[in-house]
C-alpha atoms as a PDB file:
ATOM      1  CA  UNK A   1      30.200 -71.811   8.098  1.00  0.00           C
ATOM      2  CA  UNK A   2      28.124 -70.508  11.208  1.00  0.00           C
ATOM      3  CA  UNK A   3      25.227 -72.002  11.868  1.00  0.00           C
ATOM      4  CA  UNK A   4      22.848 -69.660  13.096  1.00  0.00           C
ATOM      5  CA  UNK A   5      19.892 -71.231  16.042  1.00  0.00           C
ATOM      6  CA  UNK A   6      17.213 -68.660  16.407  1.00  0.00           C
ATOM      7  CA  UNK A   7      16.990 -67.818  20.242  1.00  0.00           C
ATOM      8  CA  UNK A   8      13.479 -67.166  21.605  1.00  0.00           C
ATOM      9  CA  UNK A   9      14.103 -63.211  21.316  1.00  0.00           C
ATOM     10  CA  UNK A  10      14.383 -63.366  17.922  1.00  0.00           C
ATOM     11  CA  UNK A  11      11.043 -65.077  17.376  1.00  0.00           C
ATOM     12  CA  UNK A  12       8.886 -62.959  19.700  1.00  0.00           C
ATOM     13  CA  UNK A  13       8.976 -60.218  17.671  1.00  0.00           C
ATOM     14  CA  UNK A  14       7.627 -62.048  14.823  1.00  0.00           C
ATOM     15  CA  UNK A  15       4.605 -63.361  16.411  1.00  0.00           C
ATOM     16  CA  UNK A  16       4.057 -60.531  17.935  1.00  0.00           C
ATOM     17  CA  UNK A  17       3.743 -58.770  15.206  1.00  0.00           C
ATOM     18  CA  UNK A  18       1.493 -61.712  13.193  1.00  0.00           C
ATOM     19  CA  UNK A  19      -0.944 -61.597  16.546  1.00  0.00           C
ATOM     20  CA  UNK A  20      -1.101 -57.401  16.922  1.00  0.00           C
ATOM     21  CA  UNK A  21      -1.726 -57.570  13.009  1.00  0.00           C
ATOM     22  CA  UNK A  22      -4.698 -59.645  13.961  1.00  0.00           C
ATOM     23  CA  UNK A  23      -6.117 -57.591  16.554  1.00  0.00           C
ATOM     24  CA  UNK A  24      -5.806 -54.806  14.204  1.00  0.00           C
ATOM     25  CA  UNK A  25      -7.407 -56.688  11.247  1.00  0.00           C
ATOM     26  CA  UNK A  26     -10.552 -57.154  13.871  1.00  0.00           C
ATOM     27  CA  UNK A  27     -10.645 -53.566  14.666  1.00  0.00           C
ATOM     28  CA  UNK A  28     -10.566 -52.527  10.906  1.00  0.00           C
ATOM     29  CA  UNK A  29     -12.828 -54.977  10.137  1.00  0.00           C
ATOM     30  CA  UNK A  30     -15.009 -54.320  12.704  1.00  0.00           C
ATOM     31  CA  UNK A  31     -14.579 -49.959  11.454  1.00  0.00           C
ATOM     32  CA  UNK A  32     -15.318 -51.280   8.106  1.00  0.00           C
ATOM     33  CA  UNK A  33     -18.711 -53.279   8.922  1.00  0.00           C
ATOM     34  CA  UNK A  34     -19.792 -49.989  11.293  1.00  0.00           C
ATOM     35  CA  UNK A  35     -19.232 -47.807   8.209  1.00  0.00           C
ATOM     36  CA  UNK A  36     -20.901 -50.127   6.246  1.00  0.00           C
ATOM     37  CA  UNK A  37     -24.050 -49.017   8.346  1.00  0.00           C
ATOM     38  CA  UNK A  38     -23.614 -45.517   8.224  1.00  0.00           C
ATOM     39  CA  UNK A  39     -25.845 -44.132   5.120  1.00  0.00           C
ATOM     40  CA  UNK A  40     -23.021 -42.091   3.641  1.00  0.00           C
ATOM     41  CA  UNK A  41     -24.528 -42.116  -0.136  1.00  0.00           C
ATOM     42  CA  UNK A  42     -27.571 -40.658   1.470  1.00  0.00           C
ATOM     43  CA  UNK A  43     -24.617 -37.560   3.208  1.00  0.00           C
ATOM     44  CA  UNK A  44     -23.336 -36.867   0.698  1.00  0.00           C
ATOM     45  CA  UNK A  45     -26.571 -36.391  -1.690  1.00  0.00           C
ATOM     46  CA  UNK A  46     -27.641 -34.531   0.781  1.00  0.00           C
ATOM     47  CA  UNK A  47     -24.926 -32.335   1.109  1.00  0.00           C
ATOM     48  CA  UNK A  48     -24.606 -32.053  -2.940  1.00  0.00           C
ATOM     49  CA  UNK A  49     -28.622 -30.653  -2.491  1.00  0.00           C
ATOM     50  CA  UNK A  50     -27.242 -28.465   0.289  1.00  0.00           C
ATOM     51  CA  UNK A  51     -24.192 -27.211  -2.181  1.00  0.00           C
ATOM     52  CA  UNK A  52     -26.648 -26.704  -5.142  1.00  0.00           C
ATOM     53  CA  UNK A  53     -29.160 -24.596  -2.387  1.00  0.00           C
ATOM     54  CA  UNK A  54     -26.033 -22.268  -1.795  1.00  0.00           C
ATOM     55  CA  UNK A  55     -24.824 -21.905  -5.279  1.00  0.00           C
ATOM     56  CA  UNK A  56     -28.313 -21.038  -6.702  1.00  0.00           C
ATOM     57  CA  UNK A  57     -28.375 -18.486  -3.233  1.00  0.00           C
ATOM     58  CA  UNK A  58     -25.038 -17.154  -4.094  1.00  0.00           C
ATOM     59  CA  UNK A  59     -26.496 -16.734  -7.814  1.00  0.00           C
ATOM     60  CA  UNK A  60     -29.299 -15.057  -6.599  1.00  0.00           C
ATOM     61  CA  UNK A  61     -27.219 -12.754  -4.906  1.00  0.00           C
ATOM     62  CA  UNK A  62     -25.163 -11.830  -7.012  1.00  0.00           C
ATOM     63  CA  UNK A  63     -27.767 -10.767  -9.216  1.00  0.00           C
ATOM     64  CA  UNK A  64     -29.147  -8.604  -6.864  1.00  0.00           C
ATOM     65  CA  UNK A  65     -26.034  -7.087  -6.433  1.00  0.00           C
ATOM     66  CA  UNK A  66     -25.821  -6.210  -9.860  1.00  0.00           C
ATOM     67  CA  UNK A  67     -29.175  -4.862 -10.080  1.00  0.00           C
ATOM     68  CA  UNK A  68     -28.374  -2.206  -6.690  1.00  0.00           C
ATOM     69  CA  UNK A  69     -24.954  -1.592  -8.576  1.00  0.00           C
ATOM     70  CA  UNK A  70     -27.209  -0.542 -11.813  1.00  0.00           C
ATOM     71  CA  UNK A  71     -29.534   0.914  -9.763  1.00  0.00           C
ATOM     72  CA  UNK A  72     -27.346   3.170  -8.055  1.00  0.00           C
ATOM     73  CA  UNK A  73     -25.151   4.128 -11.141  1.00  0.00           C
ATOM     74  CA  UNK A  74     -28.655   5.463 -12.756  1.00  0.00           C
ATOM     75  CA  UNK A  75     -29.294   7.106  -9.867  1.00  0.00           C
ATOM     76  CA  UNK A  76     -25.993   9.001  -9.611  1.00  0.00           C
ATOM     77  CA  UNK A  77     -26.258   9.890 -13.202  1.00  0.00           C
ATOM     78  CA  UNK A  78     -29.775  11.216 -13.093  1.00  0.00           C
ATOM     79  CA  UNK A  79     -28.813  13.194  -9.725  1.00  0.00           C
ATOM     80  CA  UNK A  80     -25.860  14.400 -11.976  1.00  0.00           C
ATOM     81  CA  UNK A  81     -28.606  15.571 -14.491  1.00  0.00           C
ATOM     82  CA  UNK A  82     -30.708  17.272 -11.730  1.00  0.00           C
ATOM     83  CA  UNK A  83     -27.594  19.337 -10.346  1.00  0.00           C
ATOM     84  CA  UNK A  84     -26.615  20.494 -14.280  1.00  0.00           C
ATOM     85  CA  UNK A  85     -30.479  21.422 -14.681  1.00  0.00           C
ATOM     86  CA  UNK A  86     -30.751  23.094 -11.355  1.00  0.00           C
ATOM     87  CA  UNK A  87     -27.671  25.033 -12.073  1.00  0.00           C
ATOM     88  CA  UNK A  88     -29.272  25.800 -15.576  1.00  0.00           C
ATOM     89  CA  UNK A  89     -32.109  26.940 -13.906  1.00  0.00           C
ATOM     90  CA  UNK A  90     -30.661  28.971 -10.920  1.00  0.00           C
ATOM     91  CA  UNK A  91     -28.366  30.732 -13.677  1.00  0.00           C
ATOM     92  CA  UNK A  92     -31.472  31.825 -15.677  1.00  0.00           C
ATOM     93  CA  UNK A  93     -33.114  33.052 -12.900  1.00  0.00           C
ATOM     94  CA  UNK A  94     -29.824  34.799 -11.609  1.00  0.00           C
ATOM     95  CA  UNK A  95     -29.388  36.368 -15.435  1.00  0.00           C
ATOM     96  CA  UNK A  96     -33.111  37.145 -15.649  1.00  0.00           C
ATOM     97  CA  UNK A  97     -33.166  38.964 -12.019  1.00  0.00           C
ATOM     98  CA  UNK A  98     -30.386  41.067 -13.241  1.00  0.00           C
ATOM     99  CA  UNK A  99     -32.044  41.826 -16.227  1.00  0.00           C
ATOM    100  CA  UNK A 100     -35.195  43.283 -14.512  1.00  0.00           C
ATOM    101  CA  UNK A 101     -32.992  44.819 -11.808  1.00  0.00           C
ATOM    102  CA  UNK A 102     -31.089  46.606 -14.420  1.00  0.00           C
ATOM    103  CA  UNK A 103     -34.599  47.685 -16.190  1.00  0.00           C
ATOM    104  CA  UNK A 104     -35.789  48.356 -13.377  1.00  0.00           C
ATOM    105  CA  UNK A 105     -33.174  51.043 -12.664  1.00  0.00           C
ATOM    106  CA  UNK A 106     -33.457  52.479 -16.171  1.00  0.00           C
ATOM    107  CA  UNK A 107     -37.316  52.940 -15.858  1.00  0.00           C
ATOM    108  CA  UNK A 108     -36.487  54.513 -12.189  1.00  0.00           C
ATOM    109  CA  UNK A 109     -33.607  56.978 -14.333  1.00  0.00           C
ATOM    110  CA  UNK A 110     -36.305  57.541 -17.229  1.00  0.00           C
ATOM    111  CA  UNK A 111     -38.764  58.693 -14.875  1.00  0.00           C
ATOM    112  CA  UNK A 112     -36.514  60.374 -12.404  1.00  0.00           C
ATOM    113  CA  UNK A 113     -35.386  62.656 -16.215  1.00  0.00           C
ATOM    114  CA  UNK A 114     -39.074  62.926 -16.958  1.00  0.00           C
ATOM    115  CA  UNK A 115     -39.932  64.185 -13.792  1.00  0.00           C
ATOM    116  CA  UNK A 116     -37.205  66.904 -14.000  1.00  0.00           C
ATOM    117  CA  UNK A 117     -38.405  68.165 -17.334  1.00  0.00           C
ATOM    118  CA  UNK A 118     -42.135  68.547 -16.063  1.00  0.00           C
ATOM    119  CA  UNK A 119     -40.957  70.353 -13.017  1.00  0.00           C
END
């Protein structure tokens, strides 16, 4: 059985690790102490409030968008109906004009034929 005696090189890393852990422990405690002074809950509550406000604004904008889409749909429907009605009226006016021309032509023929008889 061999007996192993620790050499200073083997002991140094362990002491070094303990010292480094102690230093980091102090740093961690310092950071923790600093963070305890920061009003994190207040910031979280403020962020939640802002989030709520943004969500309400988004809901309002979505509602406005839906309203505008509905208005657009109604407007397009009314424009289509107006175009159809205008076409119907134009067709009616054109037919009336054609009928008037036909009646005028017949009247002209009648007058011409009557004048021809009396001459």
